[in-house]
Amino acid sequence: MSLVNKSDSALRAFYWAHKFLNEFGIHWLPVEAFDIIAKQDNWRLKYVDTLAYEIGKDKQYVLDHVMRSKDGVAIYDVRLDQYNIILNNDESIPKTRMLWTAVHEIGHIYMGHLTNKRTKITADLLSAEEYDQLEFEADVFAGEVLASKWLMRQLDIVDEEDIAIICGISDDAALSRYKKATEDYNFIPANAVFTIHNFASYIKDITVCRAREDFEEKGRFLHQNPVQNKLAKPKPPFLRKPGSCPYCGNDHGITPKSNFCIACGSTLKPGVKMADEYCDHINLKEAAFCELCGNRVYRIKQGFCFEECEIVDYTINQRYGG
């Protein structure tokens, strides 16, 4: 293969990373790399202990002579036209590291690093320059797939711990991505714009009717909208806009199903009282109170507190009354 400088190599990996995100329909974090591997017809995931059992050797033999790595390797089986991703699943290897390694090896496969003549990427089989370039590209690919610097900039992250929590990667990897996300850039590449568009539902601001402690580690991302002041006295119907709150004048986000004003929390229907428990309802991002039960709500990115499938089910239920 022809060797290129690091800048060109990084641009190449960046392009393939965003192509991968689009082609595989990735719209949510953390990236479910192991599910992606399982869905490919000619990709196989194997762990060191399983492979050791299959070939009648111990785990150390697999690490030293098959993988030549303590983390993982991708091997192309030319005869079967199959890519085997082998990962070290020793209990000493954190899951965050395994995720990064899995996507790193996917990068080798997806970017065409493995061929009939180059069936695996190990230092003993390649020149130092070629090995370093391929490893560099796979790392750039993994970083941009798991925690795209452009996407991180849309999430109002404060530090690397935010990225580690959101993306499921190690603290060291998160620090590297944080540095990338906070660098100065003069423009956003077109493929990054497309990725951000695909993540629109994930990065959408909402308010959720839920107890603070129920957000667990994602509680660090919460804040509350200010409460709108009430009028000196309620407005009579002939002086207010249809669909507005008589107590504060708010005319946004009040619908026929609203029991409470989302701005001031006043009851809008006779006999309705604020509920004792949170109802988990998703409200508009501007809400200070839940429109259904009247409790104070928390503002957060939609993807921080819901899985993608939950949002799909919620949308269907809201639309069809399920």
Protein backbone atom coordinates (compact mmCIF):
# COMPACT_ATOMS: atom_id res chain seq x y z
CA MET A 1 0.00 0.00 0.00
CA SER A 2 1.08 3.59 -0.58
CA LEU A 3 1.94 5.44 2.59
CA VAL A 4 0.53 8.93 3.19
CA ASN A 5 1.17 11.63 5.75
CA LYS A 6 -0.77 11.63 9.01
CA SER A 7 -3.04 14.49 7.97
CA ASP A 8 -4.23 12.68 4.85
CA SER A 9 -4.49 9.44 6.78
CA ALA A 10 -6.68 11.09 9.43
CA LEU A 11 -8.95 12.64 6.78
CA ARG A 12 -9.36 9.25 5.15
CA ALA A 13 -10.32 7.59 8.43
CA PHE A 14 -12.64 10.50 9.27
CA TYR A 15 -14.46 10.07 5.95
CA TRP A 16 -14.90 6.32 6.48
CA ALA A 17 -16.08 6.80 10.08
CA HIS A 18 -18.96 9.07 9.07
CA LYS A 19 -19.79 6.85 6.10
CA PHE A 20 -19.99 3.94 8.55
CA LEU A 21 -22.27 5.87 10.94
CA ASN A 22 -24.64 6.63 8.07
CA GLU A 23 -24.53 3.25 6.35
CA PHE A 24 -25.20 1.32 9.56
CA GLY A 25 -27.99 3.67 10.68
CA ILE A 26 -26.28 4.73 13.91
CA HIS A 27 -28.33 7.52 15.48
CA TRP A 28 -27.82 6.91 19.21
CA LEU A 29 -25.06 6.61 21.80
CA PRO A 30 -23.33 4.57 22.98
CA VAL A 31 -22.66 2.78 19.70
CA GLU A 32 -23.76 -0.86 19.92
CA ALA A 33 -20.68 -2.30 18.22
CA PHE A 34 -21.27 -5.90 19.26
CA ASP A 35 -24.80 -5.87 17.83
CA ILE A 36 -23.43 -4.50 14.56
CA ILE A 37 -20.86 -7.30 14.35
CA ALA A 38 -23.51 -9.94 15.06
CA LYS A 39 -25.72 -8.69 12.21
CA GLN A 40 -23.04 -9.02 9.49
CA ASP A 41 -23.15 -12.21 7.46
CA ASN A 42 -19.39 -12.61 7.13
CA TRP A 43 -18.20 -11.06 10.39
CA ARG A 44 -17.62 -13.30 13.40
CA LEU A 45 -16.83 -12.26 16.95
CA LYS A 46 -14.72 -14.65 18.97
CA TYR A 47 -13.19 -14.32 22.41
CA VAL A 48 -9.73 -15.52 23.39
CA ASP A 49 -10.95 -18.28 25.69
CA THR A 50 -13.34 -19.63 23.02
CA LEU A 51 -10.66 -19.64 20.32
CA ALA A 52 -8.16 -21.26 22.68
CA TYR A 53 -10.63 -24.07 23.32
CA GLU A 54 -11.35 -24.51 19.59
CA ILE A 55 -7.68 -24.87 18.62
CA GLY A 56 -6.67 -26.85 21.69
CA LYS A 57 -4.28 -24.25 23.08
CA ASP A 58 -4.23 -22.06 26.17
CA LYS A 59 -5.21 -18.39 26.23
CA GLN A 60 -1.63 -17.17 26.41
CA TYR A 61 -0.82 -19.00 23.17
CA VAL A 62 -3.66 -17.17 21.41
CA LEU A 63 -2.47 -13.82 22.76
CA ASP A 64 1.16 -14.41 21.82
CA HIS A 65 0.92 -16.31 18.54
CA VAL A 66 -2.51 -15.58 17.00
CA MET A 67 -3.40 -12.07 18.12
CA ARG A 68 0.09 -10.83 18.98
CA SER A 69 -1.79 -8.28 21.04
CA LYS A 70 -3.31 -8.11 24.50
CA ASP A 71 -6.51 -6.47 23.23
CA GLY A 72 -7.72 -7.85 19.90
CA VAL A 73 -7.17 -8.50 16.22
CA ALA A 74 -9.20 -8.82 13.01
CA ILE A 75 -8.28 -11.71 10.71
CA TYR A 76 -9.54 -12.23 7.17
CA ASP A 77 -10.23 -15.86 6.27
CA VAL A 78 -9.71 -15.83 2.50
CA ARG A 79 -11.14 -19.32 1.95
CA LEU A 80 -14.44 -18.54 3.71
CA ASP A 81 -14.46 -14.83 2.79
CA GLN A 82 -15.03 -14.20 6.51
CA TYR A 83 -13.69 -11.62 8.95
CA ASN A 84 -12.98 -12.88 12.47
CA ILE A 85 -12.76 -10.27 15.22
CA ILE A 86 -10.96 -11.79 18.20
CA LEU A 87 -11.12 -9.95 21.51
CA ASN A 88 -9.47 -10.53 24.86
CA ASN A 89 -12.32 -10.91 27.34
CA ASP A 90 -10.14 -11.39 30.39
CA GLU A 91 -11.75 -9.95 33.51
CA SER A 92 -8.85 -7.48 33.77
CA ILE A 93 -9.93 -5.82 30.48
CA PRO A 94 -12.59 -3.12 31.12
CA LYS A 95 -15.70 -3.22 28.93
CA THR A 96 -14.90 0.32 27.82
CA ARG A 97 -11.58 -0.88 26.39
CA MET A 98 -13.24 -3.87 24.72
CA LEU A 99 -15.72 -1.54 23.01
CA TRP A 100 -12.92 0.64 21.66
CA THR A 101 -10.97 -2.42 20.47
CA ALA A 102 -14.06 -3.85 18.75
CA VAL A 103 -14.63 -0.64 16.78
CA HIS A 104 -10.90 -0.34 16.06
CA GLU A 105 -10.98 -3.82 14.49
CA ILE A 106 -14.20 -2.97 12.62
CA GLY A 107 -12.27 -0.02 11.22
CA HIS A 108 -9.61 -2.32 9.79
CA ILE A 109 -12.34 -4.32 8.06
CA TYR A 110 -14.50 -1.43 6.88
CA MET A 111 -11.63 0.68 5.54
CA GLY A 112 -10.28 -2.22 3.48
CA HIS A 113 -7.10 -2.78 5.45
CA LEU A 114 -7.53 -6.54 5.23
CA THR A 115 -6.99 -8.19 1.85
CA ASN A 116 -6.09 -11.54 0.31
CA LYS A 117 -2.43 -10.69 0.85
CA ARG A 118 -2.75 -8.86 4.18
CA THR A 119 -5.04 -11.01 6.29
CA LYS A 120 -4.27 -9.41 9.65
CA ILE A 121 -2.61 -6.30 11.03
CA THR A 122 0.28 -7.20 13.32
CA ALA A 123 3.67 -5.55 13.73
CA ASP A 124 5.61 -8.67 12.76
CA LEU A 125 3.92 -8.98 9.35
CA LEU A 126 4.23 -5.37 8.16
CA SER A 127 6.83 -2.67 7.90
CA ALA A 128 6.88 -0.30 10.87
CA GLU A 129 5.60 2.55 8.67
CA GLU A 130 2.71 0.56 7.22
CA TYR A 131 1.73 -0.89 10.59
CA ASP A 132 1.75 2.54 12.24
CA GLN A 133 -0.39 4.05 9.48
CA LEU A 134 -3.04 1.33 9.60
CA GLU A 135 -3.18 1.41 13.38
CA PHE A 136 -3.44 5.20 13.35
CA GLU A 137 -6.31 5.11 10.85
CA ALA A 138 -8.17 2.46 12.87
CA ASP A 139 -7.81 4.56 16.03
CA VAL A 140 -9.08 7.70 14.28
CA PHE A 141 -11.99 5.66 12.94
CA ALA A 142 -12.83 4.27 16.38
CA GLY A 143 -12.68 7.68 18.03
CA GLU A 144 -14.90 9.35 15.46
CA VAL A 145 -17.45 6.51 15.42
CA LEU A 146 -17.70 6.17 19.20
CA ALA A 147 -17.46 9.86 20.13
CA SER A 148 -17.46 12.10 17.08
CA LYS A 149 -15.87 15.42 17.99
CA TRP A 150 -18.54 17.22 15.97
CA LEU A 151 -21.34 15.42 17.77
CA MET A 152 -19.75 16.07 21.17
CA ARG A 153 -19.85 19.79 20.39
CA GLN A 154 -23.65 19.54 20.02
CA LEU A 155 -24.07 17.95 23.45
CA ASP A 156 -22.78 20.80 25.63
CA ILE A 157 -20.19 18.58 27.26
CA VAL A 158 -18.22 20.12 30.12
CA ASP A 159 -15.32 17.68 30.50
CA GLU A 160 -14.01 14.27 29.53
CA GLU A 161 -16.09 12.56 32.22
CA ASP A 162 -19.20 13.66 30.35
CA ILE A 163 -17.93 11.93 27.21
CA ALA A 164 -17.00 8.75 29.11
CA ILE A 165 -20.52 8.52 30.54
CA ILE A 166 -22.31 9.31 27.28
CA CYS A 167 -20.21 7.17 24.94
CA GLY A 168 -19.18 4.26 27.17
CA ILE A 169 -15.46 4.70 26.54
CA SER A 170 -12.49 4.81 28.91
CA ASP A 171 -11.37 7.95 30.71
CA ASP A 172 -8.19 8.13 28.61
CA ALA A 173 -10.10 7.81 25.35
CA ALA A 174 -12.66 10.35 26.57
CA LEU A 175 -9.91 12.83 27.40
CA SER A 176 -8.51 12.48 23.88
CA ARG A 177 -11.96 13.04 22.36
CA TYR A 178 -12.58 16.02 24.67
CA LYS A 179 -9.39 17.66 23.42
CA LYS A 180 -10.50 17.08 19.83
CA ALA A 181 -14.01 18.41 20.49
CA THR A 182 -12.75 21.62 22.09
CA GLU A 183 -10.22 22.53 19.40
CA ASP A 184 -10.95 25.55 17.20
CA TYR A 185 -12.46 24.75 13.80
CA ASN A 186 -13.37 27.17 11.03
CA PHE A 187 -16.03 24.97 9.43
CA ILE A 188 -17.99 21.75 9.85
CA PRO A 189 -17.35 19.09 7.15
CA ALA A 190 -20.40 18.10 5.13
CA ASN A 191 -20.33 14.48 6.31
CA ALA A 192 -20.27 15.66 9.95
CA VAL A 193 -23.28 17.88 9.26
CA PHE A 194 -25.10 14.82 7.92
CA THR A 195 -24.16 12.82 11.03
CA ILE A 196 -25.46 15.57 13.30
CA HIS A 197 -28.71 15.59 11.31
CA ASN A 198 -29.06 11.82 11.80
CA PHE A 199 -28.60 12.26 15.56
CA ALA A 200 -31.30 14.97 15.74
CA SER A 201 -33.61 12.88 17.93
CA TYR A 202 -30.74 11.99 20.27
CA ILE A 203 -29.58 15.59 20.79
CA LYS A 204 -33.11 17.02 21.01
CA ASP A 205 -33.81 18.98 24.20
CA ILE A 206 -36.81 17.77 26.17
CA THR A 207 -38.13 17.99 29.70
CA VAL A 208 -38.96 14.82 31.60
CA CYS A 209 -41.26 14.27 34.56
CA ARG A 210 -38.99 12.09 36.67
CA ALA A 211 -37.34 12.19 40.10
CA ARG A 212 -33.78 13.52 40.00
CA GLU A 213 -32.30 10.38 41.54
CA ASP A 214 -33.85 8.25 38.79
CA PHE A 215 -31.51 9.81 36.23
CA GLU A 216 -28.56 8.23 38.11
CA GLU A 217 -25.20 9.28 36.59
CA LYS A 218 -26.97 11.30 33.90
CA GLY A 219 -28.17 13.63 36.66
CA ARG A 220 -25.05 15.72 36.01
CA PHE A 221 -26.68 16.90 32.76
CA LEU A 222 -29.95 18.11 34.30
CA HIS A 223 -31.26 21.61 34.76
CA GLN A 224 -34.69 23.17 35.28
CA ASN A 225 -36.42 25.92 33.35
CA PRO A 226 -37.44 29.00 35.37
CA VAL A 227 -41.00 29.26 36.65
CA GLN A 228 -43.08 31.97 35.01
CA ASN A 229 -44.51 34.55 37.42
CA LYS A 230 -48.25 34.54 37.91
CA LEU A 231 -50.42 37.56 37.16
CA ALA A 232 -51.84 39.65 39.98
CA LYS A 233 -55.21 38.10 39.18
CA PRO A 234 -56.40 35.63 36.55
CA LYS A 235 -57.44 36.99 33.18
CA PRO A 236 -61.09 36.49 32.24
CA PRO A 237 -61.75 34.49 29.05
CA PHE A 238 -62.59 37.54 26.95
CA LEU A 239 -59.19 39.13 27.70
CA ARG A 240 -56.90 36.20 26.98
CA LYS A 241 -55.83 34.28 23.91
CA PRO A 242 -57.49 30.92 23.28
CA GLY A 243 -55.36 28.14 24.72
CA SER A 244 -53.46 30.40 27.12
CA CYS A 245 -53.06 30.08 30.87
CA PRO A 246 -55.36 32.47 32.78
CA TYR A 247 -52.93 32.63 35.70
CA CYS A 248 -49.67 33.61 33.96
CA GLY A 249 -50.64 34.38 30.38
CA ASN A 250 -48.49 31.62 28.86
CA ASP A 251 -49.84 30.59 25.47
CA HIS A 252 -47.21 28.02 24.56
CA GLY A 253 -47.50 24.27 24.97
CA ILE A 254 -51.06 24.19 26.26
CA THR A 255 -53.21 21.60 24.50
CA PRO A 256 -56.58 19.95 25.19
CA LYS A 257 -54.81 17.19 27.15
CA SER A 258 -52.94 19.65 29.41
CA ASN A 259 -54.02 19.48 33.05
CA PHE A 260 -51.45 22.04 34.15
CA CYS A 261 -49.73 25.07 32.68
CA ILE A 262 -46.17 24.09 31.75
CA ALA A 263 -44.91 27.59 32.60
CA CYS A 264 -46.39 28.36 36.04
CA GLY A 265 -47.80 24.98 37.14
CA SER A 266 -51.35 26.24 37.70
CA THR A 267 -54.23 23.79 37.38
CA LEU A 268 -56.14 24.27 34.12
CA LYS A 269 -59.00 21.85 34.74
CA PRO A 270 -61.47 21.76 37.64
CA GLY A 271 -60.83 19.16 40.31
CA VAL A 272 -57.35 18.22 39.08
CA LYS A 273 -54.59 18.13 41.70
CA MET A 274 -50.85 17.72 41.37
CA ALA A 275 -49.86 14.05 41.52
CA ASP A 276 -47.76 12.69 44.37
CA GLU A 277 -45.54 10.73 42.00
CA TYR A 278 -43.71 11.60 38.79
CA CYS A 279 -45.34 10.26 35.64
CA ASP A 280 -42.31 9.99 33.27
CA HIS A 281 -44.11 12.09 30.64
CA ILE A 282 -41.97 13.84 28.00
CA ASN A 283 -42.81 17.52 27.81
CA LEU A 284 -41.71 20.37 25.57
CA LYS A 285 -38.17 21.61 26.19
CA GLU A 286 -39.52 24.94 27.50
CA ALA A 287 -41.65 23.34 30.25
CA ALA A 288 -41.09 24.06 33.93
CA PHE A 289 -43.94 21.77 34.98
CA CYS A 290 -45.42 18.54 33.64
CA GLU A 291 -48.58 19.21 31.65
CA LEU A 292 -50.15 15.96 32.90
CA CYS A 293 -49.33 15.64 36.61
CA GLY A 294 -48.09 19.13 37.56
CA ASN A 295 -44.71 18.12 38.99
CA ARG A 296 -41.54 20.06 38.27
CA VAL A 297 -39.66 18.64 35.29
CA TYR A 298 -35.99 18.40 34.33
CA ARG A 299 -34.50 19.52 31.03
CA ILE A 300 -32.04 17.15 29.35
CA LYS A 301 -31.00 15.78 25.97
CA GLN A 302 -33.47 13.10 24.88
CA GLY A 303 -30.77 10.54 24.21
CA PHE A 304 -29.31 10.90 27.70
CA CYS A 305 -32.32 9.35 29.38
CA PHE A 306 -34.07 7.20 26.76
CA GLU A 307 -33.07 4.39 24.45
CA GLU A 308 -33.88 4.87 20.77
CA CYS A 309 -36.49 2.09 20.88
CA GLU A 310 -38.23 3.78 23.83
CA ILE A 311 -38.63 6.99 21.84
CA VAL A 312 -40.06 5.09 18.87
CA ASP A 313 -42.56 3.29 21.12
CA TYR A 314 -43.43 6.53 22.94
CA THR A 315 -44.05 8.35 19.64
CA ILE A 316 -46.32 5.57 18.38
CA ASN A 317 -48.29 5.56 21.64
CA GLN A 318 -48.68 9.34 21.57
CA ARG A 319 -49.81 9.30 17.96
CA TYR A 320 -52.20 6.38 18.14
CA GLY A 321 -53.18 6.47 21.79
CA GLY A 322 -51.64 3.14 22.69
